[in-house]
Amino acid sequence: MELYHVVINIVSLLINVGLVYFAVRLLSVFRGGRMGKPWMYISSGVLALAISSSIFSLYYLLELEVAVTRAVGGLIMMIGGLLILIGMYHEYKSWAKPS
């Protein structure tokens, strides 16, 4: 593996650690209230996306040849994207003017 691939994957892992940290913190901050439900979904989705991105980074860094790793990472990424989409929809509904 080339050096720039290694650097990109290590930086990606560091960013994912930060995303996981703040997603967990946000999950503990938003408990109820008007913004509780949307941010619970969004934070859970970010957490899932960070985990799946870490799986892919480790997959390339460790040069794993396990097909299940890619499938599991893709599934977690899909779930994370769906959770973020649901959260953004709830956020939009709470702020949008009624037609």
PDB file of N, CA and C in Angstrom:
ATOM      1  N   MET A   1       0.852  -1.169   0.000  1.00  0.00           N
ATOM      2  CA  MET A   1       0.000   0.000   0.000  1.00  0.00           C
ATOM      3  C   MET A   1       0.898   1.233   0.000  1.00  0.00           C
ATOM      4  N   GLU A   2       0.486   2.217  -0.783  1.00  0.00           N
ATOM      5  CA  GLU A   2       1.280   3.435  -0.894  1.00  0.00           C
ATOM      6  C   GLU A   2       1.118   4.306   0.354  1.00  0.00           C
ATOM      7  N   LEU A   3       2.120   5.139   0.579  1.00  0.00           N
ATOM      8  CA  LEU A   3       2.166   5.960   1.789  1.00  0.00           C
ATOM      9  C   LEU A   3       0.952   6.873   1.915  1.00  0.00           C
ATOM     10  N   TYR A   4       0.525   7.488   0.817  1.00  0.00           N
ATOM     11  CA  TYR A   4      -0.598   8.418   0.927  1.00  0.00           C
ATOM     12  C   TYR A   4      -1.894   7.693   1.281  1.00  0.00           C
ATOM     13  N   HIS A   5      -2.045   6.418   0.877  1.00  0.00           N
ATOM     14  CA  HIS A   5      -3.209   5.635   1.296  1.00  0.00           C
ATOM     15  C   HIS A   5      -3.182   5.405   2.807  1.00  0.00           C
ATOM     16  N   VAL A   6      -2.017   5.107   3.329  1.00  0.00           N
ATOM     17  CA  VAL A   6      -1.871   4.875   4.764  1.00  0.00           C
ATOM     18  C   VAL A   6      -2.200   6.159   5.532  1.00  0.00           C
ATOM     19  N   VAL A   7      -1.661   7.292   5.074  1.00  0.00           N
ATOM     20  CA  VAL A   7      -1.905   8.571   5.746  1.00  0.00           C
ATOM     21  C   VAL A   7      -3.390   8.918   5.713  1.00  0.00           C
ATOM     22  N   ILE A   8      -4.019   8.770   4.565  1.00  0.00           N
ATOM     23  CA  ILE A   8      -5.448   9.078   4.439  1.00  0.00           C
ATOM     24  C   ILE A   8      -6.274   8.205   5.369  1.00  0.00           C
ATOM     25  N   ASN A   9      -5.976   6.920   5.454  1.00  0.00           N
ATOM     26  CA  ASN A   9      -6.743   6.023   6.312  1.00  0.00           C
ATOM     27  C   ASN A   9      -6.506   6.298   7.796  1.00  0.00           C
ATOM     28  N   ILE A  10      -5.296   6.669   8.172  1.00  0.00           N
ATOM     29  CA  ILE A  10      -5.023   7.008   9.570  1.00  0.00           C
ATOM     30  C   ILE A  10      -5.731   8.307   9.947  1.00  0.00           C
ATOM     31  N   VAL A  11      -5.683   9.310   9.080  1.00  0.00           N
ATOM     32  CA  VAL A  11      -6.402  10.563   9.336  1.00  0.00           C
ATOM     33  C   VAL A  11      -7.906  10.295   9.415  1.00  0.00           C
ATOM     34  N   SER A  12      -8.401   9.435   8.549  1.00  0.00           N
ATOM     35  CA  SER A  12      -9.820   9.063   8.583  1.00  0.00           C
ATOM     36  C   SER A  12     -10.194   8.418   9.912  1.00  0.00           C
ATOM     37  N   LEU A  13      -9.348   7.546  10.419  1.00  0.00           N
ATOM     38  CA  LEU A  13      -9.612   6.924  11.714  1.00  0.00           C
ATOM     39  C   LEU A  13      -9.628   7.960  12.841  1.00  0.00           C
ATOM     40  N   LEU A  14      -8.721   8.925  12.788  1.00  0.00           N
ATOM     41  CA  LEU A  14      -8.690   9.971  13.811  1.00  0.00           C
ATOM     42  C   LEU A  14      -9.954  10.837  13.748  1.00  0.00           C
ATOM     43  N   ILE A  15     -10.387  11.177  12.549  1.00  0.00           N
ATOM     44  CA  ILE A  15     -11.620  11.947  12.389  1.00  0.00           C
ATOM     45  C   ILE A  15     -12.804  11.149  12.912  1.00  0.00           C
ATOM     46  N   ASN A  16     -12.827   9.853  12.636  1.00  0.00           N
ATOM     47  CA  ASN A  16     -13.926   9.006  13.108  1.00  0.00           C
ATOM     48  C   ASN A  16     -13.967   8.925  14.629  1.00  0.00           C
ATOM     49  N   VAL A  17     -12.805   8.935  15.277  1.00  0.00           N
ATOM     50  CA  VAL A  17     -12.778   8.947  16.741  1.00  0.00           C
ATOM     51  C   VAL A  17     -13.448  10.226  17.247  1.00  0.00           C
ATOM     52  N   GLY A  18     -13.149  11.356  16.620  1.00  0.00           N
ATOM     53  CA  GLY A  18     -13.793  12.613  16.993  1.00  0.00           C
ATOM     54  C   GLY A  18     -15.292  12.587  16.749  1.00  0.00           C
ATOM     55  N   LEU A  19     -15.715  12.019  15.620  1.00  0.00           N
ATOM     56  CA  LEU A  19     -17.142  11.912  15.333  1.00  0.00           C
ATOM     57  C   LEU A  19     -17.858  11.044  16.356  1.00  0.00           C
ATOM     58  N   VAL A  20     -17.255   9.933  16.719  1.00  0.00           N
ATOM     59  CA  VAL A  20     -17.862   9.048  17.720  1.00  0.00           C
ATOM     60  C   VAL A  20     -17.963   9.770  19.061  1.00  0.00           C
ATOM     61  N   TYR A  21     -16.913  10.472  19.447  1.00  0.00           N
ATOM     62  CA  TYR A  21     -16.907  11.190  20.715  1.00  0.00           C
ATOM     63  C   TYR A  21     -18.065  12.195  20.784  1.00  0.00           C
ATOM     64  N   PHE A  22     -18.178  13.043  19.753  1.00  0.00           N
ATOM     65  CA  PHE A  22     -19.210  14.072  19.787  1.00  0.00           C
ATOM     66  C   PHE A  22     -20.605  13.501  19.573  1.00  0.00           C
ATOM     67  N   ALA A  23     -20.740  12.428  18.806  1.00  0.00           N
ATOM     68  CA  ALA A  23     -22.054  11.800  18.639  1.00  0.00           C
ATOM     69  C   ALA A  23     -22.544  11.234  19.965  1.00  0.00           C
ATOM     70  N   VAL A  24     -21.660  10.600  20.713  1.00  0.00           N
ATOM     71  CA  VAL A  24     -22.036  10.055  22.025  1.00  0.00           C
ATOM     72  C   VAL A  24     -22.364  11.193  22.988  1.00  0.00           C
ATOM     73  N   ARG A  25     -21.580  12.271  22.955  1.00  0.00           N
ATOM     74  CA  ARG A  25     -21.862  13.421  23.811  1.00  0.00           C
ATOM     75  C   ARG A  25     -23.214  14.039  23.476  1.00  0.00           C
ATOM     76  N   LEU A  26     -23.517  14.181  22.177  1.00  0.00           N
ATOM     77  CA  LEU A  26     -24.808  14.743  21.781  1.00  0.00           C
ATOM     78  C   LEU A  26     -25.962  13.841  22.202  1.00  0.00           C
ATOM     79  N   LEU A  27     -25.765  12.531  22.127  1.00  0.00           N
ATOM     80  CA  LEU A  27     -26.818  11.615  22.572  1.00  0.00           C
ATOM     81  C   LEU A  27     -27.124  11.816  24.050  1.00  0.00           C
ATOM     82  N   SER A  28     -26.104  12.160  24.828  1.00  0.00           N
ATOM     83  CA  SER A  28     -26.348  12.372  26.254  1.00  0.00           C
ATOM     84  C   SER A  28     -26.901  13.765  26.545  1.00  0.00           C
ATOM     85  N   VAL A  29     -26.673  14.733  25.656  1.00  0.00           N
ATOM     86  CA  VAL A  29     -27.143  16.097  25.866  1.00  0.00           C
ATOM     87  C   VAL A  29     -28.616  16.242  25.506  1.00  0.00           C
ATOM     88  N   PHE A  30     -29.012  15.760  24.343  1.00  0.00           N
ATOM     89  CA  PHE A  30     -30.381  15.930  23.864  1.00  0.00           C
ATOM     90  C   PHE A  30     -31.262  14.812  24.391  1.00  0.00           C
ATOM     91  N   ARG A  31     -31.865  15.053  25.513  1.00  0.00           N
ATOM     92  CA  ARG A  31     -32.798  14.094  26.107  1.00  0.00           C
ATOM     93  C   ARG A  31     -34.153  14.765  26.225  1.00  0.00           C
ATOM     94  N   GLY A  32     -34.982  14.571  25.218  1.00  0.00           N
ATOM     95  CA  GLY A  32     -36.309  15.170  25.235  1.00  0.00           C
ATOM     96  C   GLY A  32     -36.303  16.568  24.653  1.00  0.00           C
ATOM     97  N   GLY A  33     -37.415  17.226  24.767  1.00  0.00           N
ATOM     98  CA  GLY A  33     -37.539  18.564  24.216  1.00  0.00           C
ATOM     99  C   GLY A  33     -37.789  18.526  22.726  1.00  0.00           C
ATOM    100  N   ARG A  34     -37.905  19.708  22.161  1.00  0.00           N
ATOM    101  CA  ARG A  34     -38.225  19.830  20.738  1.00  0.00           C
ATOM    102  C   ARG A  34     -37.134  19.250  19.834  1.00  0.00           C
ATOM    103  N   MET A  35     -35.906  19.397  20.233  1.00  0.00           N
ATOM    104  CA  MET A  35     -34.793  18.943  19.405  1.00  0.00           C
ATOM    105  C   MET A  35     -34.284  17.554  19.783  1.00  0.00           C
ATOM    106  N   GLY A  36     -34.859  16.940  20.792  1.00  0.00           N
ATOM    107  CA  GLY A  36     -34.369  15.648  21.262  1.00  0.00           C
ATOM    108  C   GLY A  36     -34.467  14.545  20.242  1.00  0.00           C
ATOM    109  N   LYS A  37     -35.632  14.385  19.632  1.00  0.00           N
ATOM    110  CA  LYS A  37     -35.850  13.285  18.690  1.00  0.00           C
ATOM    111  C   LYS A  37     -35.003  13.417  17.420  1.00  0.00           C
ATOM    112  N   PRO A  38     -35.008  14.586  16.747  1.00  0.00           N
ATOM    113  CA  PRO A  38     -34.176  14.686  15.542  1.00  0.00           C
ATOM    114  C   PRO A  38     -32.694  14.452  15.814  1.00  0.00           C
ATOM    115  N   TRP A  39     -32.190  15.036  16.911  1.00  0.00           N
ATOM    116  CA  TRP A  39     -30.763  14.906  17.178  1.00  0.00           C
ATOM    117  C   TRP A  39     -30.383  13.523  17.689  1.00  0.00           C
ATOM    118  N   MET A  40     -31.335  12.809  18.245  1.00  0.00           N
ATOM    119  CA  MET A  40     -31.061  11.421  18.621  1.00  0.00           C
ATOM    120  C   MET A  40     -30.818  10.593  17.358  1.00  0.00           C
ATOM    121  N   TYR A  41     -31.676  10.798  16.355  1.00  0.00           N
ATOM    122  CA  TYR A  41     -31.496  10.092  15.085  1.00  0.00           C
ATOM    123  C   TYR A  41     -30.206  10.506  14.389  1.00  0.00           C
ATOM    124  N   ILE A  42     -29.966  11.822  14.326  1.00  0.00           N
ATOM    125  CA  ILE A  42     -28.775  12.317  13.628  1.00  0.00           C
ATOM    126  C   ILE A  42     -27.504  11.828  14.313  1.00  0.00           C
ATOM    127  N   SER A  43     -27.448  11.909  15.627  1.00  0.00           N
ATOM    128  CA  SER A  43     -26.256  11.452  16.352  1.00  0.00           C
ATOM    129  C   SER A  43     -26.043   9.950  16.203  1.00  0.00           C
ATOM    130  N   SER A  44     -27.138   9.185  16.243  1.00  0.00           N
ATOM    131  CA  SER A  44     -27.017   7.740  16.042  1.00  0.00           C
ATOM    132  C   SER A  44     -26.530   7.425  14.635  1.00  0.00           C
ATOM    133  N   GLY A  45     -27.014   8.177  13.660  1.00  0.00           N
ATOM    134  CA  GLY A  45     -26.577   7.981  12.280  1.00  0.00           C
ATOM    135  C   GLY A  45     -25.108   8.322  12.084  1.00  0.00           C
ATOM    136  N   VAL A  46     -24.664   9.423  12.690  1.00  0.00           N
ATOM    137  CA  VAL A  46     -23.247   9.800  12.602  1.00  0.00           C
ATOM    138  C   VAL A  46     -22.380   8.738  13.267  1.00  0.00           C
ATOM    139  N   LEU A  47     -22.844   8.222  14.391  1.00  0.00           N
ATOM    140  CA  LEU A  47     -22.124   7.157  15.086  1.00  0.00           C
ATOM    141  C   LEU A  47     -21.984   5.932  14.175  1.00  0.00           C
ATOM    142  N   ALA A  48     -23.075   5.536  13.523  1.00  0.00           N
ATOM    143  CA  ALA A  48     -23.028   4.385  12.623  1.00  0.00           C
ATOM    144  C   ALA A  48     -22.114   4.648  11.428  1.00  0.00           C
ATOM    145  N   LEU A  49     -22.180   5.851  10.856  1.00  0.00           N
ATOM    146  CA  LEU A  49     -21.310   6.173   9.724  1.00  0.00           C
ATOM    147  C   LEU A  49     -19.840   6.195  10.122  1.00  0.00           C
ATOM    148  N   ALA A  50     -19.543   6.699  11.307  1.00  0.00           N
ATOM    149  CA  ALA A  50     -18.150   6.714  11.773  1.00  0.00           C
ATOM    150  C   ALA A  50     -17.635   5.297  11.987  1.00  0.00           C
ATOM    151  N   ILE A  51     -18.480   4.443  12.531  1.00  0.00           N
ATOM    152  CA  ILE A  51     -18.072   3.049  12.741  1.00  0.00           C
ATOM    153  C   ILE A  51     -17.847   2.351  11.409  1.00  0.00           C
ATOM    154  N   SER A  52     -18.761   2.560  10.454  1.00  0.00           N
ATOM    155  CA  SER A  52     -18.600   1.894   9.158  1.00  0.00           C
ATOM    156  C   SER A  52     -17.386   2.435   8.407  1.00  0.00           C
ATOM    157  N   SER A  53     -17.147   3.725   8.501  1.00  0.00           N
ATOM    158  CA  SER A  53     -15.974   4.300   7.860  1.00  0.00           C
ATOM    159  C   SER A  53     -14.694   3.750   8.485  1.00  0.00           C
ATOM    160  N   SER A  54     -14.717   3.557   9.800  1.00  0.00           N
ATOM    161  CA  SER A  54     -13.557   2.958  10.473  1.00  0.00           C
ATOM    162  C   SER A  54     -13.335   1.522  10.021  1.00  0.00           C
ATOM    163  N   ILE A  55     -14.421   0.796   9.814  1.00  0.00           N
ATOM    164  CA  ILE A  55     -14.302  -0.583   9.315  1.00  0.00           C
ATOM    165  C   ILE A  55     -13.612  -0.586   7.962  1.00  0.00           C
ATOM    166  N   PHE A  56     -14.031   0.338   7.074  1.00  0.00           N
ATOM    167  CA  PHE A  56     -13.403   0.395   5.755  1.00  0.00           C
ATOM    168  C   PHE A  56     -11.941   0.826   5.839  1.00  0.00           C
ATOM    169  N   SER A  57     -11.630   1.777   6.710  1.00  0.00           N
ATOM    170  CA  SER A  57     -10.239   2.204   6.859  1.00  0.00           C
ATOM    171  C   SER A  57      -9.368   1.065   7.377  1.00  0.00           C
ATOM    172  N   LEU A  58      -9.864   0.349   8.377  1.00  0.00           N
ATOM    173  CA  LEU A  58      -9.106  -0.792   8.898  1.00  0.00           C
ATOM    174  C   LEU A  58      -8.988  -1.902   7.861  1.00  0.00           C
ATOM    175  N   TYR A  59     -10.029  -2.080   7.080  1.00  0.00           N
ATOM    176  CA  TYR A  59     -10.013  -3.073   6.002  1.00  0.00           C
ATOM    177  C   TYR A  59      -8.849  -2.799   5.050  1.00  0.00           C
ATOM    178  N   TYR A  60      -8.662  -1.523   4.683  1.00  0.00           N
ATOM    179  CA  TYR A  60      -7.574  -1.182   3.762  1.00  0.00           C
ATOM    180  C   TYR A  60      -6.215  -1.119   4.459  1.00  0.00           C
ATOM    181  N   LEU A  61      -6.172  -0.620   5.686  1.00  0.00           N
ATOM    182  CA  LEU A  61      -4.892  -0.542   6.399  1.00  0.00           C
ATOM    183  C   LEU A  61      -4.317  -1.924   6.695  1.00  0.00           C
ATOM    184  N   LEU A  62      -5.173  -2.840   7.119  1.00  0.00           N
ATOM    185  CA  LEU A  62      -4.718  -4.181   7.480  1.00  0.00           C
ATOM    186  C   LEU A  62      -4.724  -5.139   6.300  1.00  0.00           C
ATOM    187  N   GLU A  63      -5.155  -4.622   5.142  1.00  0.00           N
ATOM    188  CA  GLU A  63      -5.224  -5.407   3.903  1.00  0.00           C
ATOM    189  C   GLU A  63      -5.960  -6.725   4.112  1.00  0.00           C
ATOM    190  N   LEU A  64      -7.139  -6.607   4.689  1.00  0.00           N
ATOM    191  CA  LEU A  64      -7.981  -7.780   4.938  1.00  0.00           C
ATOM    192  C   LEU A  64      -8.632  -8.237   3.642  1.00  0.00           C
ATOM    193  N   GLU A  65      -8.791  -9.505   3.506  1.00  0.00           N
ATOM    194  CA  GLU A  65      -9.425 -10.067   2.317  1.00  0.00           C
ATOM    195  C   GLU A  65     -10.731 -10.763   2.682  1.00  0.00           C
ATOM    196  N   VAL A  66     -11.413 -10.266   3.688  1.00  0.00           N
ATOM    197  CA  VAL A  66     -12.657 -10.866   4.143  1.00  0.00           C
ATOM    198  C   VAL A  66     -13.813 -10.104   3.505  1.00  0.00           C
ATOM    199  N   ALA A  67     -14.593 -10.794   2.659  1.00  0.00           N
ATOM    200  CA  ALA A  67     -15.700 -10.158   1.950  1.00  0.00           C
ATOM    201  C   ALA A  67     -16.792  -9.706   2.913  1.00  0.00           C
ATOM    202  N   VAL A  68     -16.948 -10.415   4.023  1.00  0.00           N
ATOM    203  CA  VAL A  68     -17.971 -10.063   5.005  1.00  0.00           C
ATOM    204  C   VAL A  68     -17.702  -8.691   5.597  1.00  0.00           C
ATOM    205  N   THR A  69     -16.444  -8.315   5.731  1.00  0.00           N
ATOM    206  CA  THR A  69     -16.083  -7.013   6.300  1.00  0.00           C
ATOM    207  C   THR A  69     -16.682  -5.890   5.471  1.00  0.00           C
ATOM    208  N   ARG A  70     -16.581  -5.980   4.171  1.00  0.00           N
ATOM    209  CA  ARG A  70     -17.136  -4.946   3.292  1.00  0.00           C
ATOM    210  C   ARG A  70     -18.650  -4.944   3.348  1.00  0.00           C
ATOM    211  N   ALA A  71     -19.255  -6.114   3.412  1.00  0.00           N
ATOM    212  CA  ALA A  71     -20.721  -6.192   3.463  1.00  0.00           C
ATOM    213  C   ALA A  71     -21.250  -5.601   4.768  1.00  0.00           C
ATOM    214  N   VAL A  72     -20.603  -5.931   5.888  1.00  0.00           N
ATOM    215  CA  VAL A  72     -21.036  -5.403   7.186  1.00  0.00           C
ATOM    216  C   VAL A  72     -20.823  -3.893   7.231  1.00  0.00           C
ATOM    217  N   GLY A  73     -19.691  -3.423   6.752  1.00  0.00           N
ATOM    218  CA  GLY A  73     -19.433  -1.981   6.711  1.00  0.00           C
ATOM    219  C   GLY A  73     -20.457  -1.248   5.861  1.00  0.00           C
ATOM    220  N   GLY A  74     -20.802  -1.813   4.721  1.00  0.00           N
ATOM    221  CA  GLY A  74     -21.809  -1.212   3.853  1.00  0.00           C
ATOM    222  C   GLY A  74     -23.185  -1.184   4.489  1.00  0.00           C
ATOM    223  N   LEU A  75     -23.541  -2.253   5.188  1.00  0.00           N
ATOM    224  CA  LEU A  75     -24.840  -2.317   5.864  1.00  0.00           C
ATOM    225  C   LEU A  75     -24.921  -1.282   6.980  1.00  0.00           C
ATOM    226  N   ILE A  76     -23.874  -1.176   7.784  1.00  0.00           N
ATOM    227  CA  ILE A  76     -23.859  -0.184   8.870  1.00  0.00           C
ATOM    228  C   ILE A  76     -23.913   1.229   8.287  1.00  0.00           C
ATOM    229  N   MET A  77     -23.217   1.449   7.171  1.00  0.00           N
ATOM    230  CA  MET A  77     -23.234   2.755   6.522  1.00  0.00           C
ATOM    231  C   MET A  77     -24.635   3.096   6.022  1.00  0.00           C
ATOM    232  N   MET A  78     -25.321   2.122   5.456  1.00  0.00           N
ATOM    233  CA  MET A  78     -26.682   2.340   4.967  1.00  0.00           C
ATOM    234  C   MET A  78     -27.622   2.692   6.120  1.00  0.00           C
ATOM    235  N   ILE A  79     -27.508   1.980   7.225  1.00  0.00           N
ATOM    236  CA  ILE A  79     -28.339   2.252   8.402  1.00  0.00           C
ATOM    237  C   ILE A  79     -28.039   3.648   8.945  1.00  0.00           C
ATOM    238  N   GLY A  80     -26.766   4.014   9.005  1.00  0.00           N
ATOM    239  CA  GLY A  80     -26.381   5.348   9.471  1.00  0.00           C
ATOM    240  C   GLY A  80     -26.945   6.445   8.590  1.00  0.00           C
ATOM    241  N   GLY A  81     -26.858   6.265   7.282  1.00  0.00           N
ATOM    242  CA  GLY A  81     -27.422   7.254   6.358  1.00  0.00           C
ATOM    243  C   GLY A  81     -28.927   7.393   6.526  1.00  0.00           C
ATOM    244  N   LEU A  82     -29.608   6.270   6.720  1.00  0.00           N
ATOM    245  CA  LEU A  82     -31.056   6.290   6.928  1.00  0.00           C
ATOM    246  C   LEU A  82     -31.415   7.025   8.218  1.00  0.00           C
ATOM    247  N   LEU A  83     -30.662   6.765   9.293  1.00  0.00           N
ATOM    248  CA  LEU A  83     -30.919   7.449  10.561  1.00  0.00           C
ATOM    249  C   LEU A  83     -30.708   8.962  10.439  1.00  0.00           C
ATOM    250  N   ILE A  84     -29.668   9.367   9.742  1.00  0.00           N
ATOM    251  CA  ILE A  84     -29.430  10.798   9.534  1.00  0.00           C
ATOM    252  C   ILE A  84     -30.554  11.405   8.703  1.00  0.00           C
ATOM    253  N   LEU A  85     -30.997  10.704   7.678  1.00  0.00           N
ATOM    254  CA  LEU A  85     -32.093  11.186   6.847  1.00  0.00           C
ATOM    255  C   LEU A  85     -33.367  11.365   7.665  1.00  0.00           C
ATOM    256  N   ILE A  86     -33.694  10.401   8.504  1.00  0.00           N
ATOM    257  CA  ILE A  86     -34.874  10.501   9.363  1.00  0.00           C
ATOM    258  C   ILE A  86     -34.732  11.685  10.324  1.00  0.00           C
ATOM    259  N   GLY A  87     -33.567  11.829  10.927  1.00  0.00           N
ATOM    260  CA  GLY A  87     -33.343  12.935  11.846  1.00  0.00           C
ATOM    261  C   GLY A  87     -33.445  14.286  11.173  1.00  0.00           C
ATOM    262  N   MET A  88     -32.893  14.402   9.970  1.00  0.00           N
ATOM    263  CA  MET A  88     -32.977  15.662   9.241  1.00  0.00           C
ATOM    264  C   MET A  88     -34.419  15.961   8.847  1.00  0.00           C
ATOM    265  N   TYR A  89     -35.185  14.938   8.516  1.00  0.00           N
ATOM    266  CA  TYR A  89     -36.592  15.134   8.188  1.00  0.00           C
ATOM    267  C   TYR A  89     -37.356  15.658   9.407  1.00  0.00           C
ATOM    268  N   HIS A  90     -37.127  15.064  10.571  1.00  0.00           N
ATOM    269  CA  HIS A  90     -37.778  15.533  11.794  1.00  0.00           C
ATOM    270  C   HIS A  90     -37.341  16.962  12.135  1.00  0.00           C
ATOM    271  N   GLU A  91     -36.080  17.262  11.932  1.00  0.00           N
ATOM    272  CA  GLU A  91     -35.571  18.620  12.167  1.00  0.00           C
ATOM    273  C   GLU A  91     -36.251  19.602  11.211  1.00  0.00           C
ATOM    274  N   TYR A  92     -36.360  19.221   9.964  1.00  0.00           N
ATOM    275  CA  TYR A  92     -37.019  20.063   8.966  1.00  0.00           C
ATOM    276  C   TYR A  92     -38.478  20.314   9.348  1.00  0.00           C
ATOM    277  N   LYS A  93     -39.179  19.252   9.758  1.00  0.00           N
ATOM    278  CA  LYS A  93     -40.581  19.397  10.126  1.00  0.00           C
ATOM    279  C   LYS A  93     -40.756  20.334  11.319  1.00  0.00           C
ATOM    280  N   SER A  94     -39.806  20.329  12.250  1.00  0.00           N
ATOM    281  CA  SER A  94     -39.957  21.181  13.430  1.00  0.00           C
ATOM    282  C   SER A  94     -39.658  22.648  13.139  1.00  0.00           C
ATOM    283  N   TRP A  95     -38.924  22.933  12.058  1.00  0.00           N
ATOM    284  CA  TRP A  95     -38.554  24.306  11.758  1.00  0.00           C
ATOM    285  C   TRP A  95     -39.279  24.901  10.558  1.00  0.00           C
ATOM    286  N   ALA A  96     -39.790  24.069   9.668  1.00  0.00           N
ATOM    287  CA  ALA A  96     -40.419  24.568   8.443  1.00  0.00           C
ATOM    288  C   ALA A  96     -41.754  25.251   8.756  1.00  0.00           C
ATOM    289  N   LYS A  97     -42.050  26.269   8.000  1.00  0.00           N
ATOM    290  CA  LYS A  97     -43.327  26.948   8.141  1.00  0.00           C
ATOM    291  C   LYS A  97     -44.427  26.055   7.564  1.00  0.00           C
ATOM    292  N   PRO A  98     -45.564  25.980   8.238  1.00  0.00           N
ATOM    293  CA  PRO A  98     -46.662  25.214   7.649  1.00  0.00           C
ATOM    294  C   PRO A  98     -47.159  25.881   6.376  1.00  0.00           C
ATOM    295  N   SER A  99     -47.503  25.070   5.398  1.00  0.00           N
ATOM    296  CA  SER A  99     -47.944  25.616   4.105  1.00  0.00           C
ATOM    297  C   SER A  99     -49.369  26.087   4.165  1.00  0.00           C
TER     298      SER A  99
END
